[in-house]
Protein backbone atom coordinates (compact mmCIF):
# COMPACT_ATOMS: atom_id res chain seq x y z
CA UNK A 1 -0.18 0.16 -0.04
CA UNK A 2 2.83 2.65 0.72
CA UNK A 3 4.74 2.03 -2.86
CA UNK A 4 0.90 2.20 -4.59
CA UNK A 5 0.79 5.84 -2.12
CA UNK A 6 4.17 6.53 -2.84
CA UNK A 7 3.62 6.47 -6.57
CA UNK A 8 0.64 7.98 -6.90
CA UNK A 9 2.39 11.20 -4.72
CA UNK A 10 5.02 10.83 -7.20
CA UNK A 11 3.27 11.17 -10.38
CA UNK A 12 1.02 14.24 -8.70
CA UNK A 13 4.75 16.00 -8.04
CA UNK A 14 5.85 15.21 -11.38
CA UNK A 15 2.91 16.09 -13.66
CA UNK A 16 2.60 19.21 -11.41
CA UNK A 17 5.80 19.74 -12.28
CA UNK A 18 4.89 19.88 -15.99
CA UNK A 19 2.29 21.49 -16.02
CA UNK A 20 4.32 24.41 -14.60
CA UNK A 21 6.48 24.13 -17.20
CA UNK A 22 6.64 27.33 -19.75
CA UNK A 23 5.23 26.53 -23.15
CA UNK A 24 7.19 27.01 -26.28
CA UNK A 25 7.32 30.63 -27.38
CA UNK A 26 4.18 31.31 -30.73
CA UNK A 27 6.01 33.11 -32.83
CA UNK A 28 3.54 35.83 -33.72
CA UNK A 29 1.26 36.03 -36.83
CA UNK A 30 2.17 38.23 -39.43
CA UNK A 31 -0.32 39.39 -41.58
CA UNK A 32 0.74 37.17 -44.64
CA UNK A 33 0.71 33.93 -42.91
CA UNK A 34 -2.64 35.16 -41.35
CA UNK A 35 -4.08 35.37 -44.96
CA UNK A 36 -2.33 32.27 -46.67
CA UNK A 37 -3.97 30.60 -43.35
CA UNK A 38 -7.35 31.73 -44.62
CA UNK A 39 -6.65 31.10 -48.11
CA UNK A 40 -6.08 27.74 -47.92
CA UNK A 41 -8.73 27.36 -45.26
CA UNK A 42 -11.48 28.30 -47.57
CA UNK A 43 -9.71 26.21 -50.53
CA UNK A 44 -10.10 23.00 -48.30
CA UNK A 45 -13.70 23.36 -47.13
CA UNK A 46 -14.21 24.10 -51.08
CA UNK A 47 -12.61 20.89 -52.26
CA UNK A 48 -14.28 19.18 -49.20
CA UNK A 49 -17.37 20.28 -50.28
CA UNK A 50 -16.58 19.50 -53.79
CA UNK A 51 -15.34 16.01 -52.72
CA UNK A 52 -18.54 15.36 -51.09
CA UNK A 53 -20.33 16.04 -53.95
CA UNK A 54 -18.82 14.23 -56.67
CA UNK A 55 -19.01 11.36 -53.67
CA UNK A 56 -22.76 11.57 -54.01
CA UNK A 57 -23.23 11.70 -57.42
CA UNK A 58 -21.26 9.02 -58.02
CA UNK A 59 -23.41 7.18 -55.22
CA UNK A 60 -26.86 8.37 -57.24
CA UNK A 61 -24.78 7.02 -60.67
CA UNK A 62 -25.02 3.85 -58.87
CA UNK A 63 -28.51 3.62 -57.83
CA UNK A 64 -29.74 4.63 -60.43
CA UNK A 65 -27.71 1.46 -62.69
CA UNK A 66 -28.99 -0.57 -60.13
CA UNK A 67 -32.31 0.20 -60.72
CA UNK A 68 -32.74 0.07 -64.59
CA UNK A 69 -31.02 -3.07 -64.40
CA UNK A 70 -33.80 -4.72 -61.61
CA UNK A 71 -36.35 -3.22 -63.98
CA UNK A 72 -34.71 -4.39 -67.05
CA UNK A 73 -34.20 -8.37 -66.12
CA UNK A 74 -37.80 -7.96 -64.31
CA UNK A 75 -38.84 -7.29 -67.69
CA UNK A 76 -36.87 -10.37 -69.25
CA UNK A 77 -38.04 -12.37 -66.63
CA UNK A 78 -42.08 -11.10 -67.33
CA UNK A 79 -41.39 -12.05 -71.40
CA UNK A 80 -39.83 -15.20 -71.12
CA UNK A 81 -42.98 -15.84 -68.86
CA UNK A 82 -44.78 -14.61 -71.38
CA UNK A 83 -43.60 -16.08 -74.23
CA UNK A 84 -43.58 -20.10 -72.59
CA UNK A 85 -47.25 -19.49 -71.89
CA UNK A 86 -48.26 -18.58 -75.69
CA UNK A 87 -45.97 -21.84 -76.44
CA UNK A 88 -47.74 -23.82 -74.25
CA UNK A 89 -51.07 -22.66 -74.97
CA UNK A 90 -50.18 -23.55 -78.59
CA UNK A 91 -48.83 -26.65 -78.05
CA UNK A 92 -52.12 -27.16 -75.69
CA UNK A 93 -54.57 -26.60 -79.08
CA UNK A 94 -52.78 -28.67 -81.35
CA UNK A 95 -54.24 -31.34 -82.88
CA UNK A 96 -53.59 -35.12 -81.69
CA UNK A 97 -51.48 -35.77 -84.63
CA UNK A 98 -49.52 -32.42 -84.64
CA UNK A 99 -49.26 -32.49 -80.73
CA UNK A 100 -44.87 -33.95 -81.20
CA UNK A 101 -44.43 -30.96 -83.58
CA UNK A 102 -45.84 -28.71 -81.26
CA UNK A 103 -44.21 -30.41 -78.09
CA UNK A 104 -41.10 -29.50 -79.49
CA UNK A 105 -41.70 -26.04 -80.95
CA UNK A 106 -42.74 -25.35 -77.40
CA UNK A 107 -39.69 -26.46 -75.89
CA UNK A 108 -37.42 -24.16 -78.41
CA UNK A 109 -38.95 -21.53 -77.96
CA UNK A 110 -38.83 -21.51 -74.10
CA UNK A 111 -35.14 -22.04 -74.52
CA UNK A 112 -35.20 -19.27 -76.52
CA UNK A 113 -37.19 -16.74 -74.18
CA UNK A 114 -34.77 -17.96 -71.44
CA UNK A 115 -31.36 -17.33 -73.57
CA UNK A 116 -32.38 -14.65 -74.51
CA UNK A 117 -33.60 -13.48 -70.32
CA UNK A 118 -29.70 -14.84 -69.52
CA UNK A 119 -27.83 -12.34 -72.03
CA UNK A 120 -30.62 -9.24 -70.46
CA UNK A 121 -29.34 -10.58 -67.30
CA UNK A 122 -25.87 -10.58 -68.13
CA UNK A 123 -26.17 -7.18 -69.61
CA UNK A 124 -27.66 -5.63 -66.64
CA UNK A 125 -25.14 -6.81 -64.19
CA UNK A 126 -22.78 -5.69 -67.37
CA UNK A 127 -24.09 -2.09 -67.02
CA UNK A 128 -23.95 -1.92 -63.03
CA UNK A 129 -20.28 -2.88 -62.80
CA UNK A 130 -19.79 -0.60 -65.11
CA UNK A 131 -21.30 2.39 -62.66
CA UNK A 132 -19.94 1.41 -59.83
CA UNK A 133 -16.43 1.42 -61.75
CA UNK A 134 -16.40 4.97 -63.11
CA UNK A 135 -18.74 5.90 -59.82
CA UNK A 136 -15.25 4.27 -57.73
CA UNK A 137 -12.82 6.84 -60.10
CA UNK A 138 -14.74 9.22 -59.71
CA UNK A 139 -13.92 8.72 -56.19
CA UNK A 140 -10.41 8.23 -55.92
CA UNK A 141 -10.00 11.26 -58.31
CA UNK A 142 -12.16 13.43 -56.25
CA UNK A 143 -10.24 12.23 -53.39
CA UNK A 144 -7.08 12.92 -54.73
CA UNK A 145 -8.26 16.90 -55.97
CA UNK A 146 -8.73 17.41 -52.91
CA UNK A 147 -5.35 15.84 -50.76
CA UNK A 148 -3.60 17.84 -53.52
CA UNK A 149 -4.82 21.06 -52.88
CA UNK A 150 -4.98 20.33 -49.20
CA UNK A 151 -1.12 20.44 -49.85
CA UNK A 152 -0.72 23.49 -51.49
CA UNK A 153 -2.59 25.10 -49.07
CA UNK A 154 0.11 24.37 -46.63
CA UNK A 155 2.78 24.86 -48.46
CA UNK A 156 1.39 28.75 -49.39
CA UNK A 157 1.26 29.15 -45.02
CA UNK A 158 5.15 27.42 -44.92
CA UNK A 159 6.33 29.95 -47.32
CA UNK A 160 4.55 32.69 -46.08
CA UNK A 161 6.25 32.17 -42.51
CA UNK A 162 9.64 32.39 -44.58
CA UNK A 163 10.68 29.03 -42.68
């Protein structure tokens, strides 16, 4: 217990000593430095705002592409179902002697409808992936532009201090 108490007291005295140490002298800011900092802050805010706007637009494009792809897929599946239904109705109406030919025709139309649906779905998915890649690229460019603007601002402030 004594050791614990002693270490706590030592910590208290050390922290009190550091708290009373004089702070490093801060050089007074010249008007040029203040002006450069204000300009850099303004540019940083504008760059951050532009980056956020670009991100939102990119995300909106992706959402729009996904919605459009969903509609295209649904339409393709609906068209395939309609085609299969018509083919089945033809087969059901066929006379007994032509029933085998009608069944073969139904199978062919069903396969064609499925292939068309698969192609439409693949194209829709490809468009969504393309939109995602473009959005990612737009976001990366915006982020780089923001970093560049911030770095330029820091360089301007540093140059105005004369160091």
